[in-house]
């Protein structure tokens, strides 16, 4: 008898949390929170596009 195997869930990706208005000090840090947020946002958008391909009937 085949064993039941649960398929992993595939939740919709969540957007990164936007930095607050006072989180950037404006001094040109090499790892500015705004730069890190921009990178996270790009990854989120790519993950969301891939998720939408896997879930074409999901609300957009």
PDB file of N, CA and C in Angstrom:
ATOM      1  N   UNK A   1       0.837  -1.171   0.000  1.00  0.00           N
ATOM      2  CA  UNK A   1       0.000   0.000   0.000  1.00  0.00           C
ATOM      3  C   UNK A   1       0.890   1.245   0.000  1.00  0.00           C
ATOM      4  N   UNK A   2       0.631   2.193  -0.919  1.00  0.00           N
ATOM      5  CA  UNK A   2       1.484   3.392  -0.960  1.00  0.00           C
ATOM      6  C   UNK A   2       1.295   4.247   0.289  1.00  0.00           C
ATOM      7  N   UNK A   3       2.381   4.810   0.710  1.00  0.00           N
ATOM      8  CA  UNK A   3       2.346   5.674   1.886  1.00  0.00           C
ATOM      9  C   UNK A   3       1.932   7.075   1.459  1.00  0.00           C
ATOM     10  N   UNK A   4       1.092   7.750   2.259  1.00  0.00           N
ATOM     11  CA  UNK A   4       0.658   9.109   1.972  1.00  0.00           C
ATOM     12  C   UNK A   4       1.820  10.057   2.184  1.00  0.00           C
ATOM     13  N   UNK A   5       2.077  10.897   1.188  1.00  0.00           N
ATOM     14  CA  UNK A   5       3.133  11.894   1.292  1.00  0.00           C
ATOM     15  C   UNK A   5       2.496  13.266   1.128  1.00  0.00           C
ATOM     16  N   UNK A   6       2.621  14.100   2.122  1.00  0.00           N
ATOM     17  CA  UNK A   6       2.069  15.446   2.046  1.00  0.00           C
ATOM     18  C   UNK A   6       2.950  16.311   1.152  1.00  0.00           C
ATOM     19  N   UNK A   7       2.314  17.013   0.252  1.00  0.00           N
ATOM     20  CA  UNK A   7       3.054  17.930  -0.598  1.00  0.00           C
ATOM     21  C   UNK A   7       3.362  19.207   0.177  1.00  0.00           C
ATOM     22  N   UNK A   8       4.527  19.774  -0.054  1.00  0.00           N
ATOM     23  CA  UNK A   8       4.857  21.007   0.664  1.00  0.00           C
ATOM     24  C   UNK A   8       3.927  22.134   0.215  1.00  0.00           C
ATOM     25  N   UNK A   9       3.620  23.010   1.130  1.00  0.00           N
ATOM     26  CA  UNK A   9       2.776  24.141   0.764  1.00  0.00           C
ATOM     27  C   UNK A   9       3.595  25.120  -0.075  1.00  0.00           C
ATOM     28  N   UNK A  10       2.895  25.930  -0.801  1.00  0.00           N
ATOM     29  CA  UNK A  10       3.544  26.910  -1.667  1.00  0.00           C
ATOM     30  C   UNK A  10       2.869  28.259  -1.442  1.00  0.00           C
ATOM     31  N   UNK A  11       3.119  28.863  -0.281  1.00  0.00           N
ATOM     32  CA  UNK A  11       2.449  30.130   0.015  1.00  0.00           C
ATOM     33  C   UNK A  11       2.963  31.255  -0.874  1.00  0.00           C
ATOM     34  N   UNK A  12       2.091  32.228  -1.079  1.00  0.00           N
ATOM     35  CA  UNK A  12       2.463  33.412  -1.851  1.00  0.00           C
ATOM     36  C   UNK A  12       3.599  34.131  -1.112  1.00  0.00           C
ATOM     37  N   UNK A  13       4.640  34.547  -1.833  1.00  0.00           N
ATOM     38  CA  UNK A  13       5.740  35.278  -1.177  1.00  0.00           C
ATOM     39  C   UNK A  13       5.232  36.577  -0.554  1.00  0.00           C
ATOM     40  N   UNK A  14       5.836  36.952   0.529  1.00  0.00           N
ATOM     41  CA  UNK A  14       5.480  38.192   1.210  1.00  0.00           C
ATOM     42  C   UNK A  14       6.510  39.262   0.886  1.00  0.00           C
ATOM     43  N   UNK A  15       6.046  40.490   0.687  1.00  0.00           N
ATOM     44  CA  UNK A  15       7.003  41.562   0.380  1.00  0.00           C
ATOM     45  C   UNK A  15       7.866  41.875   1.591  1.00  0.00           C
ATOM     46  N   UNK A  16       9.068  42.374   1.337  1.00  0.00           N
ATOM     47  CA  UNK A  16       9.922  42.749   2.461  1.00  0.00           C
ATOM     48  C   UNK A  16       9.347  43.980   3.162  1.00  0.00           C
ATOM     49  N   UNK A  17       9.710  44.133   4.398  1.00  0.00           N
ATOM     50  CA  UNK A  17       9.249  45.299   5.154  1.00  0.00           C
ATOM     51  C   UNK A  17      10.070  46.517   4.743  1.00  0.00           C
ATOM     52  N   UNK A  18       9.372  47.569   4.367  1.00  0.00           N
ATOM     53  CA  UNK A  18      10.053  48.795   3.950  1.00  0.00           C
ATOM     54  C   UNK A  18      10.696  49.462   5.159  1.00  0.00           C
ATOM     55  N   UNK A  19      11.926  49.963   4.996  1.00  0.00           N
ATOM     56  CA  UNK A  19      12.565  50.655   6.114  1.00  0.00           C
ATOM     57  C   UNK A  19      11.766  51.894   6.516  1.00  0.00           C
ATOM     58  N   UNK A  20      11.826  52.218   7.768  1.00  0.00           N
ATOM     59  CA  UNK A  20      11.153  53.408   8.262  1.00  0.00           C
ATOM     60  C   UNK A  20      11.857  54.667   7.800  1.00  0.00           C
ATOM     61  N   UNK A  21      11.204  55.810   7.944  1.00  0.00           N
ATOM     62  CA  UNK A  21      11.770  57.070   7.446  1.00  0.00           C
ATOM     63  C   UNK A  21      13.063  57.486   8.151  1.00  0.00           C
ATOM     64  N   UNK A  22      13.301  56.977   9.333  1.00  0.00           N
ATOM     65  CA  UNK A  22      14.514  57.366  10.074  1.00  0.00           C
ATOM     66  C   UNK A  22      15.578  56.281  10.086  1.00  0.00           C
ATOM     67  N   UNK A  23      15.406  55.219   9.310  1.00  0.00           N
ATOM     68  CA  UNK A  23      16.368  54.116   9.354  1.00  0.00           C
ATOM     69  C   UNK A  23      17.615  54.387   8.529  1.00  0.00           C
ATOM     70  N   UNK A  24      17.525  55.251   7.534  1.00  0.00           N
ATOM     71  CA  UNK A  24      18.715  55.614   6.748  1.00  0.00           C
ATOM     72  C   UNK A  24      19.300  56.879   7.352  1.00  0.00           C
ATOM     73  N   UNK A  25      20.592  56.834   7.666  1.00  0.00           N
ATOM     74  CA  UNK A  25      21.232  57.987   8.290  1.00  0.00           C
ATOM     75  C   UNK A  25      21.712  59.007   7.258  1.00  0.00           C
ATOM     76  N   UNK A  26      21.732  58.618   5.963  1.00  0.00           N
ATOM     77  CA  UNK A  26      22.127  59.546   4.906  1.00  0.00           C
ATOM     78  C   UNK A  26      23.617  59.788   4.812  1.00  0.00           C
ATOM     79  N   UNK A  27      24.421  58.954   5.469  1.00  0.00           N
ATOM     80  CA  UNK A  27      25.868  59.181   5.445  1.00  0.00           C
ATOM     81  C   UNK A  27      26.594  58.322   4.415  1.00  0.00           C
ATOM     82  N   UNK A  28      25.866  57.622   3.560  1.00  0.00           N
ATOM     83  CA  UNK A  28      26.507  56.836   2.503  1.00  0.00           C
ATOM     84  C   UNK A  28      27.112  55.533   2.987  1.00  0.00           C
ATOM     85  N   UNK A  29      26.495  54.892   3.932  1.00  0.00           N
ATOM     86  CA  UNK A  29      26.992  53.608   4.444  1.00  0.00           C
ATOM     87  C   UNK A  29      27.145  52.606   3.304  1.00  0.00           C
ATOM     88  N   UNK A  30      28.155  51.742   3.360  1.00  0.00           N
ATOM     89  CA  UNK A  30      28.333  50.733   2.301  1.00  0.00           C
ATOM     90  C   UNK A  30      27.170  49.743   2.242  1.00  0.00           C
ATOM     91  N   UNK A  31      26.510  49.469   3.357  1.00  0.00           N
ATOM     92  CA  UNK A  31      25.352  48.582   3.401  1.00  0.00           C
ATOM     93  C   UNK A  31      24.150  49.378   3.902  1.00  0.00           C
ATOM     94  N   UNK A  32      23.719  50.320   3.097  1.00  0.00           N
ATOM     95  CA  UNK A  32      22.587  51.163   3.475  1.00  0.00           C
ATOM     96  C   UNK A  32      21.310  50.318   3.523  1.00  0.00           C
ATOM     97  N   UNK A  33      20.459  50.603   4.491  1.00  0.00           N
ATOM     98  CA  UNK A  33      19.208  49.855   4.609  1.00  0.00           C
ATOM     99  C   UNK A  33      18.343  50.018   3.357  1.00  0.00           C
ATOM    100  N   UNK A  34      18.452  51.146   2.679  1.00  0.00           N
ATOM    101  CA  UNK A  34      17.670  51.359   1.460  1.00  0.00           C
ATOM    102  C   UNK A  34      18.175  50.479   0.319  1.00  0.00           C
ATOM    103  N   UNK A  35      19.488  50.282   0.239  1.00  0.00           N
ATOM    104  CA  UNK A  35      20.058  49.384  -0.763  1.00  0.00           C
ATOM    105  C   UNK A  35      19.657  47.943  -0.481  1.00  0.00           C
ATOM    106  N   UNK A  36      19.722  47.545   0.791  1.00  0.00           N
ATOM    107  CA  UNK A  36      19.339  46.185   1.161  1.00  0.00           C
ATOM    108  C   UNK A  36      17.858  45.952   0.877  1.00  0.00           C
ATOM    109  N   UNK A  37      17.036  46.944   1.158  1.00  0.00           N
ATOM    110  CA  UNK A  37      15.607  46.831   0.870  1.00  0.00           C
ATOM    111  C   UNK A  37      15.379  46.692  -0.637  1.00  0.00           C
ATOM    112  N   UNK A  38      16.084  47.454  -1.422  1.00  0.00           N
ATOM    113  CA  UNK A  38      15.948  47.374  -2.881  1.00  0.00           C
ATOM    114  C   UNK A  38      16.300  45.974  -3.390  1.00  0.00           C
ATOM    115  N   UNK A  39      17.362  45.391  -2.846  1.00  0.00           N
ATOM    116  CA  UNK A  39      17.752  44.034  -3.237  1.00  0.00           C
ATOM    117  C   UNK A  39      16.688  43.019  -2.823  1.00  0.00           C
ATOM    118  N   UNK A  40      16.165  43.170  -1.612  1.00  0.00           N
ATOM    119  CA  UNK A  40      15.115  42.265  -1.135  1.00  0.00           C
ATOM    120  C   UNK A  40      13.854  42.404  -1.986  1.00  0.00           C
ATOM    121  N   UNK A  41      13.545  43.624  -2.400  1.00  0.00           N
ATOM    122  CA  UNK A  41      12.364  43.875  -3.221  1.00  0.00           C
ATOM    123  C   UNK A  41      12.516  43.217  -4.592  1.00  0.00           C
ATOM    124  N   UNK A  42      13.709  43.262  -5.156  1.00  0.00           N
ATOM    125  CA  UNK A  42      13.960  42.590  -6.442  1.00  0.00           C
ATOM    126  C   UNK A  42      13.780  41.081  -6.303  1.00  0.00           C
ATOM    127  N   UNK A  43      14.307  40.498  -5.222  1.00  0.00           N
ATOM    128  CA  UNK A  43      14.146  39.061  -4.992  1.00  0.00           C
ATOM    129  C   UNK A  43      12.673  38.709  -4.800  1.00  0.00           C
ATOM    130  N   UNK A  44      11.951  39.548  -4.054  1.00  0.00           N
ATOM    131  CA  UNK A  44      10.529  39.324  -3.834  1.00  0.00           C
ATOM    132  C   UNK A  44       9.774  39.345  -5.162  1.00  0.00           C
ATOM    133  N   UNK A  45      10.033  40.329  -5.992  1.00  0.00           N
ATOM    134  CA  UNK A  45       9.329  40.436  -7.275  1.00  0.00           C
ATOM    135  C   UNK A  45       9.592  39.220  -8.157  1.00  0.00           C
ATOM    136  N   UNK A  46      10.831  38.734  -8.156  1.00  0.00           N
ATOM    137  CA  UNK A  46      11.157  37.530  -8.936  1.00  0.00           C
ATOM    138  C   UNK A  46      10.437  36.314  -8.356  1.00  0.00           C
ATOM    139  N   UNK A  47      10.426  36.186  -7.038  1.00  0.00           N
ATOM    140  CA  UNK A  47       9.749  35.057  -6.397  1.00  0.00           C
ATOM    141  C   UNK A  47       8.245  35.122  -6.639  1.00  0.00           C
ATOM    142  N   UNK A  48       7.678  36.329  -6.612  1.00  0.00           N
ATOM    143  CA  UNK A  48       6.252  36.485  -6.850  1.00  0.00           C
ATOM    144  C   UNK A  48       5.898  36.134  -8.292  1.00  0.00           C
ATOM    145  N   UNK A  49       6.729  36.536  -9.232  1.00  0.00           N
ATOM    146  CA  UNK A  49       6.486  36.197 -10.641  1.00  0.00           C
ATOM    147  C   UNK A  49       6.519  34.684 -10.839  1.00  0.00           C
ATOM    148  N   UNK A  50       7.477  34.016 -10.215  1.00  0.00           N
ATOM    149  CA  UNK A  50       7.565  32.557 -10.327  1.00  0.00           C
ATOM    150  C   UNK A  50       6.364  31.898  -9.660  1.00  0.00           C
ATOM    151  N   UNK A  51       5.942  32.431  -8.518  1.00  0.00           N
ATOM    152  CA  UNK A  51       4.777  31.887  -7.817  1.00  0.00           C
ATOM    153  C   UNK A  51       3.524  32.037  -8.663  1.00  0.00           C
ATOM    154  N   UNK A  52       3.364  33.194  -9.308  1.00  0.00           N
ATOM    155  CA  UNK A  52       2.193  33.423 -10.159  1.00  0.00           C
ATOM    156  C   UNK A  52       2.156  32.458 -11.340  1.00  0.00           C
ATOM    157  N   UNK A  53       3.317  32.076 -11.851  1.00  0.00           N
ATOM    158  CA  UNK A  53       3.354  31.077 -12.922  1.00  0.00           C
ATOM    159  C   UNK A  53       2.869  29.726 -12.418  1.00  0.00           C
ATOM    160  N   UNK A  54       3.191  29.418 -11.165  1.00  0.00           N
ATOM    161  CA  UNK A  54       2.752  28.146 -10.582  1.00  0.00           C
ATOM    162  C   UNK A  54       1.294  28.183 -10.148  1.00  0.00           C
ATOM    163  N   UNK A  55       0.751  29.390  -9.955  1.00  0.00           N
ATOM    164  CA  UNK A  55      -0.624  29.571  -9.478  1.00  0.00           C
ATOM    165  C   UNK A  55      -1.360  30.558 -10.394  1.00  0.00           C
ATOM    166  N   UNK A  56      -1.608  30.186 -11.627  1.00  0.00           N
ATOM    167  CA  UNK A  56      -2.215  31.134 -12.584  1.00  0.00           C
ATOM    168  C   UNK A  56      -3.617  31.568 -12.205  1.00  0.00           C
ATOM    169  N   UNK A  57      -4.319  30.810 -11.381  1.00  0.00           N
ATOM    170  CA  UNK A  57      -5.682  31.173 -11.009  1.00  0.00           C
ATOM    171  C   UNK A  57      -5.761  32.010  -9.730  1.00  0.00           C
ATOM    172  N   UNK A  58      -4.627  32.300  -9.133  1.00  0.00           N
ATOM    173  CA  UNK A  58      -4.618  33.068  -7.880  1.00  0.00           C
ATOM    174  C   UNK A  58      -4.939  34.534  -8.162  1.00  0.00           C
ATOM    175  N   UNK A  59      -5.493  35.183  -7.163  1.00  0.00           N
ATOM    176  CA  UNK A  59      -5.769  36.623  -7.285  1.00  0.00           C
ATOM    177  C   UNK A  59      -4.457  37.377  -7.444  1.00  0.00           C
ATOM    178  N   UNK A  60      -4.487  38.377  -8.262  1.00  0.00           N
ATOM    179  CA  UNK A  60      -3.251  39.167  -8.492  1.00  0.00           C
ATOM    180  C   UNK A  60      -3.299  40.428  -7.717  1.00  0.00           C
TER     181      UNK A  60
END
